[in-house]
Amino acid sequence: MADFTSNPLFGITLSIIAFQIGMWINQKLKTPLANPLIIAMLLVVGVLTLFGIDLDSYEKGSSFIYMFLAPVTAVLALTVYRQRKVLLSAFFPVVLGTFAGSLAALSSVLASSRLLGLDATMIASLLSKSVTTPIAIALTEQFGGYPALTIASTVITGLAGNLLAPALAQVFRIKDPVAHGVGIGSCSHALGTSKALEIGEVQGAMSSISISLSAFWTVLLAPLFV
């Protein structure tokens, strides 16, 4: 077991198998609560705990998956291109919406962290939770935070957006697809965008462009909150 787990292929193989099982369970149950990513995370943690496998052994292979985050985010530009007419007609509302979303995300983190008595390092680790992972990690490292905590908070934020996006639109009576897409992309990055693409192509396109704009606003505004 030790020889096998020390191989970089172990982490990649375990991640792929766990996600495929999550996809299968999601298709069988047909409920948003059976999120493939959540199931995959639980399966990976379960396997590592059950067999006493060191986390470093798993990360030797799983770290290669991080390399695909940036290219996958760039691929979303295809959806934006298809909806370029809609984007041009609502360009300024989208820009202002992402600015408001980024400002709200940063303000809520700072306010809740101060309320809970968290120190500056913890705040620096949580501030960028609403932007895509590569940028979130870069900001955290710049501010002296904990990248591992940033990754965890980013995943949780994305999963929350993925699960709650349809319900929140109904609760707040958001019927405009552009507004819905901007709201999803501004607060829950790529994981939320995957749900936006399921809801509709316009929502997916607006959510995709909101990822980049929100990251831009967060990079500019985050130093003011540290």
C-alpha atoms as a PDB file:
ATOM      1  CA  MET A   1       0.000   0.000   0.000  1.00  0.00           C
ATOM      2  CA  ALA A   2       2.818   2.387   0.905  1.00  0.00           C
ATOM      3  CA  ASP A   3       4.517   1.939  -2.481  1.00  0.00           C
ATOM      4  CA  PHE A   4       1.272   2.526  -4.345  1.00  0.00           C
ATOM      5  CA  THR A   5       0.224   5.619  -2.388  1.00  0.00           C
ATOM      6  CA  SER A   6       3.625   7.233  -2.856  1.00  0.00           C
ATOM      7  CA  ASN A   7       3.040   7.206  -6.612  1.00  0.00           C
ATOM      8  CA  PRO A   8       1.680  10.524  -7.957  1.00  0.00           C
ATOM      9  CA  LEU A   9      -0.904   8.553  -9.932  1.00  0.00           C
ATOM     10  CA  PHE A  10      -2.588   7.542  -6.673  1.00  0.00           C
ATOM     11  CA  GLY A  11      -3.940  11.017  -5.897  1.00  0.00           C
ATOM     12  CA  ILE A  12      -5.185  11.603  -9.441  1.00  0.00           C
ATOM     13  CA  THR A  13      -6.801   8.155  -9.694  1.00  0.00           C
ATOM     14  CA  LEU A  14      -8.529   8.451  -6.328  1.00  0.00           C
ATOM     15  CA  SER A  15      -9.860  11.919  -7.191  1.00  0.00           C
ATOM     16  CA  ILE A  16     -11.257  10.800 -10.564  1.00  0.00           C
ATOM     17  CA  ILE A  17     -12.879   7.647  -9.181  1.00  0.00           C
ATOM     18  CA  ALA A  18     -14.410   9.532  -6.251  1.00  0.00           C
ATOM     19  CA  PHE A  19     -15.864  12.184  -8.551  1.00  0.00           C
ATOM     20  CA  GLN A  20     -17.261   9.574 -10.946  1.00  0.00           C
ATOM     21  CA  ILE A  21     -18.994   7.874  -8.019  1.00  0.00           C
ATOM     22  CA  GLY A  22     -20.353  11.272  -6.984  1.00  0.00           C
ATOM     23  CA  MET A  23     -21.696  11.845 -10.494  1.00  0.00           C
ATOM     24  CA  TRP A  24     -23.352   8.420 -10.502  1.00  0.00           C
ATOM     25  CA  ILE A  25     -25.006   9.015  -7.121  1.00  0.00           C
ATOM     26  CA  ASN A  26     -26.177  12.475  -8.235  1.00  0.00           C
ATOM     27  CA  GLN A  27     -27.783  11.044 -11.380  1.00  0.00           C
ATOM     28  CA  LYS A  28     -29.489   8.307  -9.388  1.00  0.00           C
ATOM     29  CA  LEU A  29     -30.845  10.507  -6.599  1.00  0.00           C
ATOM     30  CA  LYS A  30     -31.506  13.559  -8.806  1.00  0.00           C
ATOM     31  CA  THR A  31     -31.289  16.031  -5.956  1.00  0.00           C
ATOM     32  CA  PRO A  32     -29.016  19.089  -5.613  1.00  0.00           C
ATOM     33  CA  LEU A  33     -28.092  17.910  -2.117  1.00  0.00           C
ATOM     34  CA  ALA A  34     -26.218  14.984  -3.673  1.00  0.00           C
ATOM     35  CA  ASN A  35     -23.557  17.280  -5.092  1.00  0.00           C
ATOM     36  CA  PRO A  36     -20.818  15.258  -6.876  1.00  0.00           C
ATOM     37  CA  LEU A  37     -18.032  17.404  -5.451  1.00  0.00           C
ATOM     38  CA  ILE A  38     -19.244  17.028  -1.864  1.00  0.00           C
ATOM     39  CA  ILE A  39     -19.585  13.260  -2.315  1.00  0.00           C
ATOM     40  CA  ALA A  40     -16.116  13.059  -3.863  1.00  0.00           C
ATOM     41  CA  MET A  41     -14.583  15.031  -0.988  1.00  0.00           C
ATOM     42  CA  LEU A  42     -16.210  12.756   1.591  1.00  0.00           C
ATOM     43  CA  LEU A  43     -15.065   9.641  -0.263  1.00  0.00           C
ATOM     44  CA  VAL A  44     -11.470  10.862  -0.498  1.00  0.00           C
ATOM     45  CA  VAL A  45     -11.392  11.791   3.201  1.00  0.00           C
ATOM     46  CA  GLY A  46     -12.938   8.419   4.054  1.00  0.00           C
ATOM     47  CA  VAL A  47     -10.374   6.445   2.054  1.00  0.00           C
ATOM     48  CA  LEU A  48      -7.427   8.383   3.483  1.00  0.00           C
ATOM     49  CA  THR A  49      -8.727   7.951   7.037  1.00  0.00           C
ATOM     50  CA  LEU A  50      -9.721   4.295   6.677  1.00  0.00           C
ATOM     51  CA  PHE A  51      -6.376   3.177   5.294  1.00  0.00           C
ATOM     52  CA  GLY A  52      -4.259   5.638   7.278  1.00  0.00           C
ATOM     53  CA  ILE A  53      -2.813   7.241   4.160  1.00  0.00           C
ATOM     54  CA  ASP A  54      -0.735  10.363   4.676  1.00  0.00           C
ATOM     55  CA  LEU A  55      -2.172  13.529   3.161  1.00  0.00           C
ATOM     56  CA  ASP A  56       1.172  14.378   1.534  1.00  0.00           C
ATOM     57  CA  SER A  57       1.031  11.128  -0.443  1.00  0.00           C
ATOM     58  CA  TYR A  58      -2.380  12.041  -1.816  1.00  0.00           C
ATOM     59  CA  GLU A  59      -1.359  15.606  -2.657  1.00  0.00           C
ATOM     60  CA  LYS A  60       1.580  14.428  -4.779  1.00  0.00           C
ATOM     61  CA  GLY A  61      -0.886  13.504  -7.486  1.00  0.00           C
ATOM     62  CA  SER A  62      -3.920  15.601  -6.687  1.00  0.00           C
ATOM     63  CA  SER A  63      -1.871  18.802  -6.931  1.00  0.00           C
ATOM     64  CA  PHE A  64      -1.666  18.260 -10.699  1.00  0.00           C
ATOM     65  CA  ILE A  65      -5.398  18.918 -10.849  1.00  0.00           C
ATOM     66  CA  TYR A  66      -4.760  22.522  -9.762  1.00  0.00           C
ATOM     67  CA  MET A  67      -3.047  23.134 -13.102  1.00  0.00           C
ATOM     68  CA  PHE A  68      -6.377  22.732 -14.889  1.00  0.00           C
ATOM     69  CA  LEU A  69      -8.193  25.391 -12.863  1.00  0.00           C
ATOM     70  CA  ALA A  70      -7.002  28.345 -14.932  1.00  0.00           C
ATOM     71  CA  PRO A  71      -7.560  26.699 -18.384  1.00  0.00           C
ATOM     72  CA  VAL A  72     -11.040  25.526 -17.392  1.00  0.00           C
ATOM     73  CA  THR A  73     -11.936  29.043 -16.279  1.00  0.00           C
ATOM     74  CA  ALA A  74     -10.669  30.409 -19.613  1.00  0.00           C
ATOM     75  CA  VAL A  75     -12.838  27.922 -21.531  1.00  0.00           C
ATOM     76  CA  LEU A  76     -15.910  29.653 -20.072  1.00  0.00           C
ATOM     77  CA  ALA A  77     -15.102  32.517 -22.462  1.00  0.00           C
ATOM     78  CA  LEU A  78     -16.805  30.498 -25.216  1.00  0.00           C
ATOM     79  CA  THR A  79     -20.149  30.846 -23.451  1.00  0.00           C
ATOM     80  CA  VAL A  80     -19.555  34.573 -23.015  1.00  0.00           C
ATOM     81  CA  TYR A  81     -18.780  34.930 -26.740  1.00  0.00           C
ATOM     82  CA  ARG A  82     -22.064  33.268 -27.676  1.00  0.00           C
ATOM     83  CA  GLN A  83     -23.945  35.779 -25.515  1.00  0.00           C
ATOM     84  CA  ARG A  84     -21.859  38.816 -26.476  1.00  0.00           C
ATOM     85  CA  LYS A  85     -24.900  40.790 -27.673  1.00  0.00           C
ATOM     86  CA  VAL A  86     -26.611  40.368 -24.321  1.00  0.00           C
ATOM     87  CA  LEU A  87     -23.395  41.345 -22.539  1.00  0.00           C
ATOM     88  CA  LEU A  88     -22.930  44.499 -24.625  1.00  0.00           C
ATOM     89  CA  SER A  89     -26.509  45.584 -23.996  1.00  0.00           C
ATOM     90  CA  ALA A  90     -26.084  45.159 -20.230  1.00  0.00           C
ATOM     91  CA  PHE A  91     -22.385  45.942 -19.896  1.00  0.00           C
ATOM     92  CA  PHE A  92     -22.560  48.715 -17.288  1.00  0.00           C
ATOM     93  CA  PRO A  93     -25.125  46.933 -15.082  1.00  0.00           C
ATOM     94  CA  VAL A  94     -22.881  43.859 -15.131  1.00  0.00           C
ATOM     95  CA  VAL A  95     -19.792  45.903 -14.190  1.00  0.00           C
ATOM     96  CA  LEU A  96     -21.621  47.694 -11.388  1.00  0.00           C
ATOM     97  CA  GLY A  97     -23.250  44.463 -10.232  1.00  0.00           C
ATOM     98  CA  THR A  98     -19.915  42.674  -9.908  1.00  0.00           C
ATOM     99  CA  PHE A  99     -18.460  45.680  -8.076  1.00  0.00           C
ATOM    100  CA  ALA A 100     -21.346  45.613  -5.613  1.00  0.00           C
ATOM    101  CA  GLY A 101     -21.013  41.848  -5.229  1.00  0.00           C
ATOM    102  CA  SER A 102     -17.282  42.023  -4.520  1.00  0.00           C
ATOM    103  CA  LEU A 103     -17.740  44.870  -2.067  1.00  0.00           C
ATOM    104  CA  ALA A 104     -20.500  42.957  -0.269  1.00  0.00           C
ATOM    105  CA  ALA A 105     -18.402  39.780  -0.102  1.00  0.00           C
ATOM    106  CA  LEU A 106     -15.375  41.577   1.347  1.00  0.00           C
ATOM    107  CA  SER A 107     -17.453  43.614   3.787  1.00  0.00           C
ATOM    108  CA  SER A 108     -19.358  40.587   5.061  1.00  0.00           C
ATOM    109  CA  VAL A 109     -16.129  38.665   5.680  1.00  0.00           C
ATOM    110  CA  LEU A 110     -14.562  41.576   7.565  1.00  0.00           C
ATOM    111  CA  ALA A 111     -17.686  42.247   9.629  1.00  0.00           C
ATOM    112  CA  SER A 112     -18.302  38.614  10.583  1.00  0.00           C
ATOM    113  CA  SER A 113     -14.606  38.015  11.324  1.00  0.00           C
ATOM    114  CA  ARG A 114     -14.459  41.044  13.621  1.00  0.00           C
ATOM    115  CA  LEU A 115     -17.671  39.901  15.291  1.00  0.00           C
ATOM    116  CA  LEU A 116     -16.168  36.460  15.945  1.00  0.00           C
ATOM    117  CA  GLY A 117     -12.862  37.916  17.127  1.00  0.00           C
ATOM    118  CA  LEU A 118     -10.686  36.451  14.367  1.00  0.00           C
ATOM    119  CA  ASP A 119      -7.174  37.782  13.951  1.00  0.00           C
ATOM    120  CA  ALA A 120      -5.729  39.522  10.895  1.00  0.00           C
ATOM    121  CA  THR A 121      -4.230  36.327   9.480  1.00  0.00           C
ATOM    122  CA  MET A 122      -7.590  34.580   9.504  1.00  0.00           C
ATOM    123  CA  ILE A 123      -9.242  37.578   7.882  1.00  0.00           C
ATOM    124  CA  ALA A 124      -6.581  37.622   5.157  1.00  0.00           C
ATOM    125  CA  SER A 125      -7.280  33.925   4.523  1.00  0.00           C
ATOM    126  CA  LEU A 126     -11.039  34.401   4.152  1.00  0.00           C
ATOM    127  CA  LEU A 127     -11.284  37.686   2.252  1.00  0.00           C
ATOM    128  CA  SER A 128     -10.917  36.179  -1.221  1.00  0.00           C
ATOM    129  CA  LYS A 129     -13.339  33.278  -0.710  1.00  0.00           C
ATOM    130  CA  SER A 130     -15.716  34.492  -3.437  1.00  0.00           C
ATOM    131  CA  VAL A 131     -13.238  34.562  -6.337  1.00  0.00           C
ATOM    132  CA  THR A 132     -11.750  31.743  -8.373  1.00  0.00           C
ATOM    133  CA  THR A 133      -9.231  29.579  -6.517  1.00  0.00           C
ATOM    134  CA  PRO A 134      -5.942  30.525  -8.298  1.00  0.00           C
ATOM    135  CA  ILE A 135      -6.530  34.243  -7.644  1.00  0.00           C
ATOM    136  CA  ALA A 136      -7.795  33.592  -4.113  1.00  0.00           C
ATOM    137  CA  ILE A 137      -4.627  31.683  -3.231  1.00  0.00           C
ATOM    138  CA  ALA A 138      -2.389  34.379  -4.748  1.00  0.00           C
ATOM    139  CA  LEU A 139      -4.114  37.085  -2.708  1.00  0.00           C
ATOM    140  CA  THR A 140      -3.877  35.067   0.490  1.00  0.00           C
ATOM    141  CA  GLU A 141      -0.160  34.475   0.011  1.00  0.00           C
ATOM    142  CA  GLN A 142       0.331  38.186  -0.642  1.00  0.00           C
ATOM    143  CA  PHE A 143      -1.478  39.112   2.587  1.00  0.00           C
ATOM    144  CA  GLY A 144       0.242  36.446   4.691  1.00  0.00           C
ATOM    145  CA  GLY A 145      -2.798  34.212   5.205  1.00  0.00           C
ATOM    146  CA  TYR A 146      -3.254  30.435   5.173  1.00  0.00           C
ATOM    147  CA  PRO A 147      -3.737  29.098   1.611  1.00  0.00           C
ATOM    148  CA  ALA A 148      -5.283  25.849   2.905  1.00  0.00           C
ATOM    149  CA  LEU A 149      -7.987  27.818   4.723  1.00  0.00           C
ATOM    150  CA  THR A 150      -8.568  29.906   1.608  1.00  0.00           C
ATOM    151  CA  ILE A 151      -9.076  26.790  -0.498  1.00  0.00           C
ATOM    152  CA  ALA A 152     -11.531  25.346   2.027  1.00  0.00           C
ATOM    153  CA  SER A 153     -13.547  28.571   2.290  1.00  0.00           C
ATOM    154  CA  THR A 154     -13.548  29.002  -1.492  1.00  0.00           C
ATOM    155  CA  VAL A 155     -14.882  25.480  -2.023  1.00  0.00           C
ATOM    156  CA  ILE A 156     -17.571  25.934   0.640  1.00  0.00           C
ATOM    157  CA  THR A 157     -18.630  29.260  -0.895  1.00  0.00           C
ATOM    158  CA  GLY A 158     -18.808  27.741  -4.373  1.00  0.00           C
ATOM    159  CA  LEU A 159     -20.800  24.754  -3.150  1.00  0.00           C
ATOM    160  CA  ALA A 160     -23.228  27.024  -1.324  1.00  0.00           C
ATOM    161  CA  GLY A 161     -23.815  28.997  -4.508  1.00  0.00           C
ATOM    162  CA  ASN A 162     -24.197  25.808  -6.523  1.00  0.00           C
ATOM    163  CA  LEU A 163     -26.818  24.434  -4.141  1.00  0.00           C
ATOM    164  CA  LEU A 164     -28.721  27.622  -3.284  1.00  0.00           C
ATOM    165  CA  ALA A 165     -28.687  29.609  -6.542  1.00  0.00           C
ATOM    166  CA  PRO A 166     -32.083  28.387  -7.847  1.00  0.00           C
ATOM    167  CA  ALA A 167     -33.794  28.699  -4.461  1.00  0.00           C
ATOM    168  CA  LEU A 168     -32.435  32.188  -3.749  1.00  0.00           C
ATOM    169  CA  ALA A 169     -33.662  33.405  -7.127  1.00  0.00           C
ATOM    170  CA  GLN A 170     -37.162  32.332  -6.171  1.00  0.00           C
ATOM    171  CA  VAL A 171     -36.965  33.776  -2.670  1.00  0.00           C
ATOM    172  CA  PHE A 172     -35.831  37.202  -3.916  1.00  0.00           C
ATOM    173  CA  ARG A 173     -37.950  36.965  -7.089  1.00  0.00           C
ATOM    174  CA  ILE A 174     -35.031  37.417  -9.470  1.00  0.00           C
ATOM    175  CA  LYS A 175     -36.458  36.797 -12.927  1.00  0.00           C
ATOM    176  CA  ASP A 176     -33.940  38.626 -15.099  1.00  0.00           C
ATOM    177  CA  PRO A 177     -31.381  36.055 -16.387  1.00  0.00           C
ATOM    178  CA  VAL A 178     -28.592  38.654 -16.526  1.00  0.00           C
ATOM    179  CA  ALA A 179     -29.080  39.654 -12.886  1.00  0.00           C
ATOM    180  CA  HIS A 180     -29.302  36.020 -11.848  1.00  0.00           C
ATOM    181  CA  GLY A 181     -26.073  35.117 -13.641  1.00  0.00           C
ATOM    182  CA  VAL A 182     -24.183  38.113 -12.246  1.00  0.00           C
ATOM    183  CA  GLY A 183     -25.289  37.264  -8.725  1.00  0.00           C
ATOM    184  CA  ILE A 184     -24.119  33.666  -9.046  1.00  0.00           C
ATOM    185  CA  GLY A 185     -20.742  34.467 -10.605  1.00  0.00           C
ATOM    186  CA  SER A 186     -19.993  37.318  -8.213  1.00  0.00           C
ATOM    187  CA  CYS A 187     -20.328  35.212  -5.081  1.00  0.00           C
ATOM    188  CA  SER A 188     -19.653  31.586  -6.021  1.00  0.00           C
ATOM    189  CA  HIS A 189     -17.135  31.606  -8.919  1.00  0.00           C
ATOM    190  CA  ALA A 190     -16.751  28.457 -11.094  1.00  0.00           C
ATOM    191  CA  LEU A 191     -18.746  26.057  -8.923  1.00  0.00           C
ATOM    192  CA  GLY A 192     -21.700  28.411  -8.976  1.00  0.00           C
ATOM    193  CA  THR A 193     -21.225  29.004 -12.702  1.00  0.00           C
ATOM    194  CA  SER A 194     -21.615  25.288 -13.373  1.00  0.00           C
ATOM    195  CA  LYS A 195     -25.106  25.568 -11.873  1.00  0.00           C
ATOM    196  CA  ALA A 196     -25.771  28.788 -13.818  1.00  0.00           C
ATOM    197  CA  LEU A 197     -24.994  26.921 -17.051  1.00  0.00           C
ATOM    198  CA  GLU A 198     -27.590  24.332 -16.086  1.00  0.00           C
ATOM    199  CA  ILE A 199     -30.186  27.023 -15.400  1.00  0.00           C
ATOM    200  CA  GLY A 200     -29.705  28.759 -18.762  1.00  0.00           C
ATOM    201  CA  GLU A 201     -27.128  29.873 -21.306  1.00  0.00           C
ATOM    202  CA  VAL A 202     -27.588  33.577 -20.545  1.00  0.00           C
ATOM    203  CA  GLN A 203     -27.173  32.939 -16.818  1.00  0.00           C
ATOM    204  CA  GLY A 204     -24.083  30.859 -17.536  1.00  0.00           C
ATOM    205  CA  ALA A 205     -22.524  33.519 -19.753  1.00  0.00           C
ATOM    206  CA  MET A 206     -23.160  36.337 -17.278  1.00  0.00           C
ATOM    207  CA  SER A 207     -21.856  34.215 -14.429  1.00  0.00           C
ATOM    208  CA  SER A 208     -18.726  33.404 -16.451  1.00  0.00           C
ATOM    209  CA  ILE A 209     -17.892  37.042 -17.147  1.00  0.00           C
ATOM    210  CA  SER A 210     -18.692  37.911 -13.528  1.00  0.00           C
ATOM    211  CA  ILE A 211     -15.928  35.549 -12.355  1.00  0.00           C
ATOM    212  CA  SER A 212     -13.297  37.666 -14.114  1.00  0.00           C
ATOM    213  CA  LEU A 213     -14.808  41.023 -13.177  1.00  0.00           C
ATOM    214  CA  SER A 214     -15.277  40.008  -9.552  1.00  0.00           C
ATOM    215  CA  ALA A 215     -11.671  38.844  -9.395  1.00  0.00           C
ATOM    216  CA  PHE A 216     -10.582  42.218 -10.812  1.00  0.00           C
ATOM    217  CA  TRP A 217     -12.610  44.173  -8.246  1.00  0.00           C
ATOM    218  CA  THR A 218     -11.463  41.918  -5.401  1.00  0.00           C
ATOM    219  CA  VAL A 219      -7.787  42.405  -6.295  1.00  0.00           C
ATOM    220  CA  LEU A 220      -8.320  46.175  -6.207  1.00  0.00           C
ATOM    221  CA  LEU A 221     -10.452  46.317  -3.067  1.00  0.00           C
ATOM    222  CA  ALA A 222      -8.987  43.561  -0.878  1.00  0.00           C
ATOM    223  CA  PRO A 223      -5.922  45.570   0.269  1.00  0.00           C
ATOM    224  CA  LEU A 224      -8.297  48.121   1.775  1.00  0.00           C
ATOM    225  CA  PHE A 225      -9.816  45.437   4.019  1.00  0.00           C
ATOM    226  CA  VAL A 226      -6.612  43.784   5.268  1.00  0.00           C
END
